[in-house]
Amino acid sequence: ETSGCLIFATSLEIRDMLQKQFKNRSIERIYYAVVFGKPTTSSGIETTRIQETKDKRVRLVIGNKRAGKEAITNWMLEKAGSVHSLIRIKIDTGRRAQIRLHMTNLGCPVLGDTRYGRGKTSVNRLCLHATELTFNHPNGKKIHVKSEIPAKLISELNRKKL
């Protein structure tokens, strides 16, 4: 449901090279999310661990420092609307539903999140967009790709009431 930048591998060799970059956390991933409400601070880091079950469901692990896997989400308030906010997010790890879980834990669920948030939006989509990716291309060059935030997300941010 997330829109924006993607990386595709054209061979097994390239796939392995890219997966190694993800594992080493050398690929930079920037997202923007329109969330419900406004965080109590202008920036922060969410580090609550995430546990995935065999049936691919995920949940936050509160209190237990050993269960689940490390998940690191750096966030910054970009703009506060009257009801919603635009959050810039840089993830260091890439766990399933990490951004959605961490934003909900922050008290600002991603709009349009029917599993961990408050349900559907007027724009009828998850308000999460992968805006930037920076990675090492197999040819040795550092690649930086960008995707503008969709107008639908900005219109949802600027809504005056629920």
Protein backbone atom coordinates (compact mmCIF):
# COMPACT_ATOMS: atom_id res chain seq x y z
CA GLU A 1 0.00 0.00 0.00
CA THR A 2 3.00 2.32 0.30
CA SER A 3 3.74 4.39 -2.80
CA GLY A 4 7.06 5.77 -4.00
CA CYS A 5 10.56 4.51 -4.74
CA LEU A 6 11.42 0.83 -5.20
CA ILE A 7 14.58 -1.08 -6.06
CA PHE A 8 14.40 -4.01 -8.49
CA ALA A 9 17.20 -6.49 -9.10
CA THR A 10 17.71 -7.82 -12.62
CA SER A 11 19.74 -10.87 -11.61
CA LEU A 12 20.47 -13.06 -8.59
CA GLU A 13 23.93 -11.50 -8.28
CA ILE A 14 22.51 -7.98 -8.10
CA ARG A 15 19.78 -9.14 -5.71
CA ASP A 16 22.41 -10.56 -3.37
CA MET A 17 24.44 -7.35 -3.56
CA LEU A 18 21.40 -5.20 -2.74
CA GLN A 19 20.28 -7.50 0.07
CA LYS A 20 23.75 -7.20 1.58
CA GLN A 21 23.39 -3.40 1.55
CA PHE A 22 20.02 -3.68 3.31
CA LYS A 23 21.51 -6.05 5.88
CA ASN A 24 24.47 -3.70 6.46
CA ARG A 25 22.03 -0.78 6.73
CA SER A 26 23.90 1.18 4.07
CA ILE A 27 20.79 1.90 1.99
CA GLU A 28 19.20 5.15 3.11
CA ARG A 29 15.38 5.14 3.06
CA ILE A 30 13.32 8.29 3.57
CA TYR A 31 9.53 8.19 3.86
CA TYR A 32 6.82 10.75 4.45
CA ALA A 33 3.66 9.87 6.34
CA VAL A 34 0.53 11.84 7.00
CA VAL A 35 -0.50 10.89 10.52
CA PHE A 36 -3.43 11.56 12.79
CA GLY A 37 -2.73 14.23 15.39
CA LYS A 38 0.56 15.83 16.27
CA PRO A 39 3.47 14.31 18.20
CA THR A 40 4.31 15.86 21.57
CA THR A 41 7.86 16.66 20.40
CA SER A 42 9.21 17.84 17.04
CA SER A 43 11.47 14.81 16.46
CA GLY A 44 12.57 11.55 17.98
CA ILE A 45 13.69 7.97 17.56
CA GLU A 46 11.36 5.00 18.07
CA THR A 47 13.22 1.82 19.02
CA THR A 48 10.51 -0.54 20.26
CA ARG A 49 11.33 -4.05 19.06
CA ILE A 50 9.08 -5.83 16.56
CA GLN A 51 8.12 -9.49 16.64
CA GLU A 52 6.80 -11.36 13.60
CA THR A 53 4.71 -14.52 13.95
CA LYS A 54 4.79 -17.53 11.63
CA ASP A 55 1.61 -16.29 9.92
CA LYS A 56 3.39 -12.97 9.09
CA ARG A 57 1.54 -10.87 11.69
CA VAL A 58 3.67 -8.37 13.56
CA ARG A 59 3.44 -6.65 16.92
CA LEU A 60 5.50 -4.37 19.10
CA VAL A 61 7.35 -5.95 22.00
CA ILE A 62 6.97 -3.62 24.97
CA GLY A 63 9.39 -4.04 27.85
CA ASN A 64 11.11 -7.28 26.77
CA LYS A 65 14.58 -6.37 25.50
CA ARG A 66 15.21 -9.84 24.01
CA ALA A 67 12.02 -10.74 22.17
CA GLY A 68 11.51 -9.66 18.57
CA LYS A 69 14.03 -7.83 16.42
CA GLU A 70 15.60 -4.43 16.66
CA ALA A 71 13.65 -1.70 14.84
CA ILE A 72 14.90 1.90 14.54
CA THR A 73 12.72 4.70 13.18
CA ASN A 74 14.02 8.29 13.14
CA TRP A 75 11.22 10.82 12.67
CA MET A 76 10.78 14.57 12.42
CA LEU A 77 7.65 16.71 12.29
CA GLU A 78 7.67 18.55 8.93
CA LYS A 79 4.29 20.28 9.09
CA ALA A 80 1.33 20.28 11.45
CA GLY A 81 -2.15 20.76 10.01
CA SER A 82 -5.26 21.43 12.06
CA VAL A 83 -6.00 17.68 12.47
CA HIS A 84 -3.11 15.80 10.85
CA SER A 85 0.67 16.11 10.60
CA LEU A 86 3.33 15.38 7.98
CA ILE A 87 6.21 13.34 9.38
CA ARG A 88 9.59 12.76 7.71
CA ILE A 89 10.84 9.27 8.53
CA LYS A 90 14.25 7.67 8.08
CA ILE A 91 14.38 3.99 8.92
CA ASP A 92 17.63 2.30 9.90
CA THR A 93 16.04 -1.15 9.97
CA GLY A 94 13.33 -2.47 7.68
CA ARG A 95 10.92 -4.57 9.67
CA ARG A 96 7.48 -5.50 8.35
CA ALA A 97 5.00 -2.67 9.21
CA GLN A 98 7.75 -0.88 11.17
CA ILE A 99 6.68 2.68 10.35
CA ARG A 100 2.99 1.95 10.91
CA LEU A 101 3.65 0.27 14.27
CA HIS A 102 6.06 2.92 15.50
CA MET A 103 3.82 5.84 14.50
CA THR A 104 0.87 4.18 16.26
CA ASN A 105 3.07 3.67 19.35
CA LEU A 106 3.92 7.38 19.17
CA GLY A 107 0.18 8.15 19.33
CA CYS A 108 0.05 9.36 15.71
CA PRO A 109 -1.09 6.48 13.49
CA VAL A 110 -0.53 6.69 9.74
CA LEU A 111 -3.76 7.74 8.04
CA GLY A 112 -5.45 5.00 6.06
CA ASP A 113 -3.90 2.21 8.14
CA THR A 114 -6.73 -0.28 8.56
CA ARG A 115 -4.68 -2.73 10.68
CA TYR A 116 -2.74 -0.60 13.20
CA GLY A 117 -4.36 2.81 12.78
CA ARG A 118 -7.76 4.46 12.56
CA GLY A 119 -9.06 2.98 9.32
CA LYS A 120 -9.84 4.43 5.90
CA THR A 121 -9.29 8.04 4.80
CA SER A 122 -11.03 10.33 2.36
CA VAL A 123 -8.23 9.64 -0.15
CA ASN A 124 -8.85 5.90 0.22
CA ARG A 125 -5.22 4.83 0.65
CA LEU A 126 -2.43 4.45 3.17
CA CYS A 127 -0.81 7.88 3.58
CA LEU A 128 2.76 6.58 3.47
CA HIS A 129 5.20 7.38 0.65
CA ALA A 130 8.79 6.23 0.04
CA THR A 131 10.33 9.55 -1.01
CA GLU A 132 14.05 8.83 -1.31
CA LEU A 133 16.42 5.89 -1.71
CA THR A 134 20.20 6.08 -1.76
CA PHE A 135 22.22 2.95 -2.54
CA ASN A 136 25.35 1.67 -4.28
CA HIS A 137 24.61 0.55 -7.83
CA PRO A 138 26.35 -2.63 -9.06
CA ASN A 139 28.44 -0.40 -11.39
CA GLY A 140 29.98 1.24 -8.29
CA LYS A 141 28.12 4.55 -8.47
CA LYS A 142 26.06 5.88 -5.58
CA ILE A 143 22.46 6.25 -6.77
CA HIS A 144 19.94 8.65 -5.24
CA VAL A 145 16.34 8.45 -6.42
CA LYS A 146 13.46 10.70 -5.37
CA SER A 147 9.70 10.64 -5.68
CA GLU A 148 7.54 13.66 -4.85
CA ILE A 149 4.86 13.31 -2.19
CA PRO A 150 1.54 12.65 -3.97
CA ALA A 151 -0.95 15.53 -4.02
CA LYS A 152 -3.57 13.27 -2.39
CA LEU A 153 -1.43 13.01 0.73
CA ILE A 154 -0.96 16.78 0.94
CA SER A 155 -4.71 17.29 0.50
CA GLU A 156 -5.32 14.89 3.41
CA LEU A 157 -2.78 16.79 5.51
CA ASN A 158 -4.58 20.06 4.82
CA ARG A 159 -8.05 18.81 5.75
CA LYS A 160 -9.63 21.10 8.32
CA LYS A 161 -11.67 18.48 10.18
CA LEU A 162 -12.24 14.74 10.43
